[in-house]
PDB file of N, CA and C in Angstrom:
ATOM      1  N   UNK A   1      -7.817  -3.511  22.418  1.00  0.00           N
ATOM      2  CA  UNK A   1      -8.250  -3.034  23.780  1.00  0.00           C
ATOM      3  C   UNK A   1      -8.365  -1.569  23.909  1.00  0.00           C
ATOM      4  N   UNK A   2      -7.389  -0.657  23.238  1.00  0.00           N
ATOM      5  CA  UNK A   2      -7.804   0.545  23.811  1.00  0.00           C
ATOM      6  C   UNK A   2      -8.991   1.283  23.216  1.00  0.00           C
ATOM      7  N   UNK A   3      -9.688   0.446  22.118  1.00  0.00           N
ATOM      8  CA  UNK A   3     -10.933   0.992  21.433  1.00  0.00           C
ATOM      9  C   UNK A   3     -11.919   0.583  22.139  1.00  0.00           C
ATOM     10  N   UNK A   4     -11.837  -0.561  23.102  1.00  0.00           N
ATOM     11  CA  UNK A   4     -12.941  -0.827  23.864  1.00  0.00           C
ATOM     12  C   UNK A   4     -13.258   0.169  24.948  1.00  0.00           C
ATOM     13  N   UNK A   5     -14.819   0.515  24.919  1.00  0.00           N
ATOM     14  CA  UNK A   5     -15.164   1.534  26.039  1.00  0.00           C
ATOM     15  C   UNK A   5     -14.981   1.195  27.650  1.00  0.00           C
ATOM     16  N   UNK A   6     -14.308   2.085  28.036  1.00  0.00           N
ATOM     17  CA  UNK A   6     -13.820   2.246  29.431  1.00  0.00           C
ATOM     18  C   UNK A   6     -14.699   2.436  30.214  1.00  0.00           C
ATOM     19  N   UNK A   7     -15.604   3.415  29.899  1.00  0.00           N
ATOM     20  CA  UNK A   7     -16.738   3.976  31.083  1.00  0.00           C
ATOM     21  C   UNK A   7     -18.049   3.404  30.844  1.00  0.00           C
ATOM     22  N   UNK A   8     -18.186   2.828  29.605  1.00  0.00           N
ATOM     23  CA  UNK A   8     -19.759   1.969  29.524  1.00  0.00           C
ATOM     24  C   UNK A   8     -19.428   0.760  29.492  1.00  0.00           C
ATOM     25  N   UNK A   9     -20.670  -0.332  29.642  1.00  0.00           N
ATOM     26  CA  UNK A   9     -20.782  -1.554  29.523  1.00  0.00           C
ATOM     27  C   UNK A   9     -20.520  -2.127  28.467  1.00  0.00           C
ATOM     28  N   UNK A  10     -19.693  -3.206  28.482  1.00  0.00           N
ATOM     29  CA  UNK A  10     -19.338  -3.916  27.278  1.00  0.00           C
ATOM     30  C   UNK A  10     -20.478  -4.458  26.477  1.00  0.00           C
ATOM     31  N   UNK A  11     -20.716  -4.378  25.289  1.00  0.00           N
ATOM     32  CA  UNK A  11     -21.895  -4.941  24.764  1.00  0.00           C
ATOM     33  C   UNK A  11     -21.517  -5.127  23.357  1.00  0.00           C
ATOM     34  N   UNK A  12     -22.227  -6.361  22.608  1.00  0.00           N
ATOM     35  CA  UNK A  12     -22.039  -6.389  21.279  1.00  0.00           C
ATOM     36  C   UNK A  12     -21.885  -5.549  20.142  1.00  0.00           C
ATOM     37  N   UNK A  13     -22.706  -4.431  20.314  1.00  0.00           N
ATOM     38  CA  UNK A  13     -22.443  -3.475  19.591  1.00  0.00           C
ATOM     39  C   UNK A  13     -21.334  -2.664  19.848  1.00  0.00           C
ATOM     40  N   UNK A  14     -20.542  -2.569  20.871  1.00  0.00           N
ATOM     41  CA  UNK A  14     -19.346  -1.948  20.977  1.00  0.00           C
ATOM     42  C   UNK A  14     -18.125  -2.651  20.312  1.00  0.00           C
ATOM     43  N   UNK A  15     -18.433  -4.124  20.520  1.00  0.00           N
ATOM     44  CA  UNK A  15     -17.632  -4.935  20.172  1.00  0.00           C
ATOM     45  C   UNK A  15     -17.451  -5.048  18.476  1.00  0.00           C
ATOM     46  N   UNK A  16     -18.627  -5.021  18.032  1.00  0.00           N
ATOM     47  CA  UNK A  16     -18.926  -4.726  16.644  1.00  0.00           C
ATOM     48  C   UNK A  16     -18.023  -3.311  16.091  1.00  0.00           C
ATOM     49  N   UNK A  17     -18.178  -2.164  16.770  1.00  0.00           N
ATOM     50  CA  UNK A  17     -17.730  -1.083  16.391  1.00  0.00           C
ATOM     51  C   UNK A  17     -16.112  -1.035  16.166  1.00  0.00           C
ATOM     52  N   UNK A  18     -15.619  -1.646  17.305  1.00  0.00           N
ATOM     53  CA  UNK A  18     -14.350  -1.873  17.280  1.00  0.00           C
ATOM     54  C   UNK A  18     -13.656  -2.602  16.374  1.00  0.00           C
ATOM     55  N   UNK A  19     -14.344  -3.683  16.000  1.00  0.00           N
ATOM     56  CA  UNK A  19     -14.057  -4.486  14.946  1.00  0.00           C
ATOM     57  C   UNK A  19     -14.013  -3.969  13.409  1.00  0.00           C
ATOM     58  N   UNK A  20     -14.739  -2.879  13.386  1.00  0.00           N
ATOM     59  CA  UNK A  20     -15.131  -2.099  12.006  1.00  0.00           C
ATOM     60  C   UNK A  20     -14.036  -1.134  12.005  1.00  0.00           C
ATOM     61  N   UNK A  21     -13.106  -0.523  12.784  1.00  0.00           N
ATOM     62  CA  UNK A  21     -12.279   0.435  13.144  1.00  0.00           C
ATOM     63  C   UNK A  21     -11.298   0.416  12.226  1.00  0.00           C
ATOM     64  N   UNK A  22     -10.693  -1.077  12.021  1.00  0.00           N
ATOM     65  CA  UNK A  22      -9.464  -0.965  11.179  1.00  0.00           C
ATOM     66  C   UNK A  22      -9.673  -1.093   9.458  1.00  0.00           C
ATOM     67  N   UNK A  23      -8.943  -0.939   8.713  1.00  0.00           N
ATOM     68  CA  UNK A  23      -9.385  -1.048   7.455  1.00  0.00           C
ATOM     69  C   UNK A  23      -9.845  -2.335   6.948  1.00  0.00           C
ATOM     70  N   UNK A  24     -10.770  -2.779   5.952  1.00  0.00           N
ATOM     71  CA  UNK A  24     -11.113  -4.009   5.991  1.00  0.00           C
ATOM     72  C   UNK A  24     -10.073  -4.938   5.072  1.00  0.00           C
ATOM     73  N   UNK A  25     -10.493  -6.236   5.030  1.00  0.00           N
ATOM     74  CA  UNK A  25      -9.882  -6.996   4.322  1.00  0.00           C
ATOM     75  C   UNK A  25      -7.788  -6.855   4.316  1.00  0.00           C
ATOM     76  N   UNK A  26      -7.822  -6.484   5.834  1.00  0.00           N
ATOM     77  CA  UNK A  26      -6.292  -6.563   6.234  1.00  0.00           C
ATOM     78  C   UNK A  26      -5.890  -7.412   7.165  1.00  0.00           C
ATOM     79  N   UNK A  27      -4.678  -7.567   7.491  1.00  0.00           N
ATOM     80  CA  UNK A  27      -3.958  -8.560   8.624  1.00  0.00           C
ATOM     81  C   UNK A  27      -4.520  -7.967   9.831  1.00  0.00           C
ATOM     82  N   UNK A  28      -4.263  -6.527   9.901  1.00  0.00           N
ATOM     83  CA  UNK A  28      -4.714  -5.904  11.188  1.00  0.00           C
ATOM     84  C   UNK A  28      -6.215  -6.328  11.906  1.00  0.00           C
ATOM     85  N   UNK A  29      -7.189  -6.247  10.628  1.00  0.00           N
ATOM     86  CA  UNK A  29      -8.524  -6.228  11.166  1.00  0.00           C
ATOM     87  C   UNK A  29      -8.771  -7.949  11.308  1.00  0.00           C
ATOM     88  N   UNK A  30      -7.919  -8.844  10.867  1.00  0.00           N
ATOM     89  CA  UNK A  30      -8.219 -10.296  10.897  1.00  0.00           C
ATOM     90  C   UNK A  30      -7.693 -10.393  12.357  1.00  0.00           C
ATOM     91  N   UNK A  31      -6.627  -9.789  12.738  1.00  0.00           N
ATOM     92  CA  UNK A  31      -6.072  -9.990  13.960  1.00  0.00           C
ATOM     93  C   UNK A  31      -7.050  -9.424  15.327  1.00  0.00           C
ATOM     94  N   UNK A  32      -7.648  -8.410  14.892  1.00  0.00           N
ATOM     95  CA  UNK A  32      -8.512  -7.561  16.014  1.00  0.00           C
ATOM     96  C   UNK A  32      -9.808  -8.416  16.027  1.00  0.00           C
ATOM     97  N   UNK A  33     -10.050  -9.035  15.084  1.00  0.00           N
ATOM     98  CA  UNK A  33     -11.526  -9.789  15.122  1.00  0.00           C
ATOM     99  C   UNK A  33     -11.193 -11.120  15.768  1.00  0.00           C
ATOM    100  N   UNK A  34     -10.335 -11.986  15.711  1.00  0.00           N
ATOM    101  CA  UNK A  34      -9.873 -12.899  16.469  1.00  0.00           C
ATOM    102  C   UNK A  34      -9.714 -12.691  17.793  1.00  0.00           C
ATOM    103  N   UNK A  35      -8.991 -11.571  18.293  1.00  0.00           N
ATOM    104  CA  UNK A  35      -9.037 -11.210  19.576  1.00  0.00           C
ATOM    105  C   UNK A  35     -10.204 -10.756  20.316  1.00  0.00           C
ATOM    106  N   UNK A  36     -11.160 -10.195  19.431  1.00  0.00           N
ATOM    107  CA  UNK A  36     -12.515  -9.746  20.325  1.00  0.00           C
ATOM    108  C   UNK A  36     -13.405 -10.813  19.955  1.00  0.00           C
ATOM    109  N   UNK A  37     -13.355 -11.993  18.903  1.00  0.00           N
ATOM    110  CA  UNK A  37     -13.954 -13.036  19.145  1.00  0.00           C
ATOM    111  C   UNK A  37     -13.641 -13.820  20.501  1.00  0.00           C
ATOM    112  N   UNK A  38     -12.452 -14.155  20.813  1.00  0.00           N
ATOM    113  CA  UNK A  38     -11.727 -14.604  22.181  1.00  0.00           C
ATOM    114  C   UNK A  38     -12.110 -13.997  23.536  1.00  0.00           C
ATOM    115  N   UNK A  39     -12.042 -12.330  23.376  1.00  0.00           N
ATOM    116  CA  UNK A  39     -12.344 -11.561  24.195  1.00  0.00           C
ATOM    117  C   UNK A  39     -14.082 -11.813  24.736  1.00  0.00           C
ATOM    118  N   UNK A  40     -15.156 -11.739  23.722  1.00  0.00           N
ATOM    119  CA  UNK A  40     -16.431 -11.809  23.840  1.00  0.00           C
ATOM    120  C   UNK A  40     -16.683 -13.137  24.489  1.00  0.00           C
ATOM    121  N   UNK A  41     -15.996 -14.242  24.325  1.00  0.00           N
ATOM    122  CA  UNK A  41     -16.425 -15.512  24.593  1.00  0.00           C
ATOM    123  C   UNK A  41     -16.017 -15.538  26.063  1.00  0.00           C
ATOM    124  N   UNK A  42     -14.696 -14.864  26.525  1.00  0.00           N
ATOM    125  CA  UNK A  42     -14.475 -14.955  27.890  1.00  0.00           C
ATOM    126  C   UNK A  42     -15.610 -14.185  28.711  1.00  0.00           C
ATOM    127  N   UNK A  43     -15.704 -13.049  28.173  1.00  0.00           N
ATOM    128  CA  UNK A  43     -16.521 -11.998  28.867  1.00  0.00           C
ATOM    129  C   UNK A  43     -17.903 -12.640  28.802  1.00  0.00           C
ATOM    130  N   UNK A  44     -18.331 -13.433  28.187  1.00  0.00           N
ATOM    131  CA  UNK A  44     -19.608 -14.258  27.995  1.00  0.00           C
ATOM    132  C   UNK A  44     -20.962 -13.190  27.171  1.00  0.00           C
ATOM    133  N   UNK A  45     -20.169 -12.755  26.234  1.00  0.00           N
ATOM    134  CA  UNK A  45     -21.162 -11.997  25.438  1.00  0.00           C
ATOM    135  C   UNK A  45     -21.342 -12.515  24.176  1.00  0.00           C
ATOM    136  N   UNK A  46     -22.513 -12.737  23.571  1.00  0.00           N
ATOM    137  CA  UNK A  46     -22.813 -13.411  22.543  1.00  0.00           C
ATOM    138  C   UNK A  46     -22.588 -12.349  21.118  1.00  0.00           C
ATOM    139  N   UNK A  47     -21.639 -12.342  20.498  1.00  0.00           N
ATOM    140  CA  UNK A  47     -21.544 -11.951  19.415  1.00  0.00           C
ATOM    141  C   UNK A  47     -20.606 -12.467  18.277  1.00  0.00           C
ATOM    142  N   UNK A  48     -21.281 -11.965  16.944  1.00  0.00           N
ATOM    143  CA  UNK A  48     -20.424 -12.627  15.814  1.00  0.00           C
ATOM    144  C   UNK A  48     -19.628 -11.889  15.101  1.00  0.00           C
ATOM    145  N   UNK A  49     -18.353 -11.988  15.222  1.00  0.00           N
ATOM    146  CA  UNK A  49     -17.417 -10.866  14.383  1.00  0.00           C
ATOM    147  C   UNK A  49     -16.834 -11.516  13.252  1.00  0.00           C
ATOM    148  N   UNK A  50     -17.376 -12.692  12.848  1.00  0.00           N
ATOM    149  CA  UNK A  50     -17.114 -13.379  11.797  1.00  0.00           C
ATOM    150  C   UNK A  50     -17.133 -12.599  10.176  1.00  0.00           C
ATOM    151  N   UNK A  51     -18.222 -11.919  10.180  1.00  0.00           N
ATOM    152  CA  UNK A  51     -18.375 -11.376   8.950  1.00  0.00           C
ATOM    153  C   UNK A  51     -17.617  -9.852   8.740  1.00  0.00           C
ATOM    154  N   UNK A  52     -16.900  -9.668   9.828  1.00  0.00           N
ATOM    155  CA  UNK A  52     -16.227  -8.401   9.514  1.00  0.00           C
ATOM    156  C   UNK A  52     -14.583  -8.948   9.498  1.00  0.00           C
ATOM    157  N   UNK A  53     -14.194 -10.337   9.546  1.00  0.00           N
ATOM    158  CA  UNK A  53     -12.754 -10.533   9.327  1.00  0.00           C
ATOM    159  C   UNK A  53     -12.629 -10.300   7.919  1.00  0.00           C
ATOM    160  N   UNK A  54     -13.225 -10.507   6.900  1.00  0.00           N
ATOM    161  CA  UNK A  54     -12.757 -10.007   5.742  1.00  0.00           C
ATOM    162  C   UNK A  54     -12.277 -11.196   5.065  1.00  0.00           C
ATOM    163  N   UNK A  55     -11.499 -11.123   3.806  1.00  0.00           N
ATOM    164  CA  UNK A  55     -10.850 -12.192   3.201  1.00  0.00           C
ATOM    165  C   UNK A  55      -9.159 -11.751   2.833  1.00  0.00           C
ATOM    166  N   UNK A  56      -8.587 -11.322   4.103  1.00  0.00           N
ATOM    167  CA  UNK A  56      -7.273 -11.114   3.740  1.00  0.00           C
ATOM    168  C   UNK A  56      -6.622 -12.409   3.483  1.00  0.00           C
ATOM    169  N   UNK A  57      -5.344 -12.489   2.794  1.00  0.00           N
ATOM    170  CA  UNK A  57      -4.598 -13.350   2.179  1.00  0.00           C
ATOM    171  C   UNK A  57      -3.228 -12.947   2.128  1.00  0.00           C
ATOM    172  N   UNK A  58      -2.218 -13.539   2.572  1.00  0.00           N
ATOM    173  CA  UNK A  58      -0.749 -12.789   2.139  1.00  0.00           C
ATOM    174  C   UNK A  58      -0.478 -13.037   0.725  1.00  0.00           C
ATOM    175  N   UNK A  59      -1.037 -13.914   0.112  1.00  0.00           N
ATOM    176  CA  UNK A  59      -0.901 -14.115  -1.257  1.00  0.00           C
ATOM    177  C   UNK A  59      -1.385 -13.229  -2.250  1.00  0.00           C
ATOM    178  N   UNK A  60      -2.211 -12.539  -1.611  1.00  0.00           N
ATOM    179  CA  UNK A  60      -2.969 -11.273  -2.342  1.00  0.00           C
ATOM    180  C   UNK A  60      -2.324 -10.231  -2.179  1.00  0.00           C
ATOM    181  N   UNK A  61      -1.287  -9.871  -1.373  1.00  0.00           N
ATOM    182  CA  UNK A  61      -0.619  -8.899  -1.157  1.00  0.00           C
ATOM    183  C   UNK A  61       0.480  -8.595  -2.069  1.00  0.00           C
ATOM    184  N   UNK A  62       0.741  -7.403  -2.811  1.00  0.00           N
ATOM    185  CA  UNK A  62       1.577  -7.209  -3.838  1.00  0.00           C
ATOM    186  C   UNK A  62       2.672  -6.675  -3.096  1.00  0.00           C
ATOM    187  N   UNK A  63       3.888  -7.265  -3.253  1.00  0.00           N
ATOM    188  CA  UNK A  63       5.213  -6.793  -2.521  1.00  0.00           C
ATOM    189  C   UNK A  63       6.041  -6.234  -3.859  1.00  0.00           C
ATOM    190  N   UNK A  64       7.033  -4.844  -3.696  1.00  0.00           N
ATOM    191  CA  UNK A  64       7.754  -4.450  -4.339  1.00  0.00           C
ATOM    192  C   UNK A  64       8.896  -4.362  -3.877  1.00  0.00           C
ATOM    193  N   UNK A  65       9.773  -5.196  -4.172  1.00  0.00           N
ATOM    194  CA  UNK A  65      11.106  -5.203  -3.486  1.00  0.00           C
ATOM    195  C   UNK A  65      12.106  -4.758  -4.599  1.00  0.00           C
ATOM    196  N   UNK A  66      13.051  -3.809  -4.223  1.00  0.00           N
ATOM    197  CA  UNK A  66      13.881  -3.209  -4.969  1.00  0.00           C
ATOM    198  C   UNK A  66      15.046  -4.309  -5.499  1.00  0.00           C
ATOM    199  N   UNK A  67      15.395  -4.015  -6.382  1.00  0.00           N
ATOM    200  CA  UNK A  67      16.576  -4.637  -6.533  1.00  0.00           C
ATOM    201  C   UNK A  67      18.022  -4.652  -5.698  1.00  0.00           C
ATOM    202  N   UNK A  68      19.025  -5.226  -6.029  1.00  0.00           N
ATOM    203  CA  UNK A  68      20.100  -5.386  -5.210  1.00  0.00           C
ATOM    204  C   UNK A  68      20.744  -4.132  -5.736  1.00  0.00           C
ATOM    205  N   UNK A  69      20.972  -3.780  -7.051  1.00  0.00           N
ATOM    206  CA  UNK A  69      21.540  -2.492  -7.565  1.00  0.00           C
ATOM    207  C   UNK A  69      20.945  -1.382  -6.801  1.00  0.00           C
ATOM    208  N   UNK A  70      19.786  -1.296  -6.771  1.00  0.00           N
ATOM    209  CA  UNK A  70      19.129   0.155  -6.276  1.00  0.00           C
ATOM    210  C   UNK A  70      19.256   0.215  -4.666  1.00  0.00           C
ATOM    211  N   UNK A  71      19.506  -1.266  -4.108  1.00  0.00           N
ATOM    212  CA  UNK A  71      19.700  -0.966  -2.627  1.00  0.00           C
ATOM    213  C   UNK A  71      21.057  -0.535  -2.096  1.00  0.00           C
ATOM    214  N   UNK A  72      22.106  -1.098  -3.096  1.00  0.00           N
ATOM    215  CA  UNK A  72      23.599  -0.541  -2.737  1.00  0.00           C
ATOM    216  C   UNK A  72      23.622   0.692  -3.192  1.00  0.00           C
ATOM    217  N   UNK A  73      22.874   1.428  -4.208  1.00  0.00           N
ATOM    218  CA  UNK A  73      23.274   2.708  -4.497  1.00  0.00           C
ATOM    219  C   UNK A  73      22.633   3.687  -3.263  1.00  0.00           C
ATOM    220  N   UNK A  74      21.340   3.020  -2.604  1.00  0.00           N
ATOM    221  CA  UNK A  74      20.739   3.683  -1.545  1.00  0.00           C
ATOM    222  C   UNK A  74      21.857   3.666  -0.546  1.00  0.00           C
ATOM    223  N   UNK A  75      22.359   2.567  -0.323  1.00  0.00           N
ATOM    224  CA  UNK A  75      23.485   2.567   1.085  1.00  0.00           C
ATOM    225  C   UNK A  75      24.635   3.403   0.561  1.00  0.00           C
ATOM    226  N   UNK A  76      24.869   3.568  -0.479  1.00  0.00           N
ATOM    227  CA  UNK A  76      26.220   4.516  -0.702  1.00  0.00           C
ATOM    228  C   UNK A  76      25.741   6.008  -0.659  1.00  0.00           C
ATOM    229  N   UNK A  77      24.387   6.475  -0.650  1.00  0.00           N
ATOM    230  CA  UNK A  77      24.124   7.570  -0.222  1.00  0.00           C
ATOM    231  C   UNK A  77      24.158   7.935   1.104  1.00  0.00           C
ATOM    232  N   UNK A  78      23.954   6.952   2.058  1.00  0.00           N
ATOM    233  CA  UNK A  78      23.651   7.107   3.573  1.00  0.00           C
ATOM    234  C   UNK A  78      25.342   7.882   3.843  1.00  0.00           C
ATOM    235  N   UNK A  79      24.950   9.149   4.808  1.00  0.00           N
ATOM    236  CA  UNK A  79      25.830   9.655   5.327  1.00  0.00           C
ATOM    237  C   UNK A  79      26.869   8.921   6.028  1.00  0.00           C
ATOM    238  N   UNK A  80      26.424   8.167   6.872  1.00  0.00           N
ATOM    239  CA  UNK A  80      27.148   6.996   7.714  1.00  0.00           C
ATOM    240  C   UNK A  80      26.536   5.582   7.369  1.00  0.00           C
ATOM    241  N   UNK A  81      27.275   4.814   6.666  1.00  0.00           N
ATOM    242  CA  UNK A  81      26.927   3.553   6.354  1.00  0.00           C
ATOM    243  C   UNK A  81      26.800   2.655   7.666  1.00  0.00           C
ATOM    244  N   UNK A  82      27.559   3.132   8.645  1.00  0.00           N
ATOM    245  CA  UNK A  82      27.748   2.035   9.868  1.00  0.00           C
ATOM    246  C   UNK A  82      26.288   2.054  10.353  1.00  0.00           C
TER     247      UNK A  82
END
């Protein structure tokens, strides 16, 4: 909502420009486009944000989780483990 124009009229081009502000193929863009689609429907503005959603999938995200040994070593280095 903070990227929508506050002083000018809401238009399809403004909604599309907001959809393009986040990084492509990310969860944040997927959420933003879902919100913008519903908001445009509420405001009765004809706009298709579907092409901007991308192809985000949590299965494609590579996560590097440290081993238990590395985590315990990091905890031991904290000045106040509490």
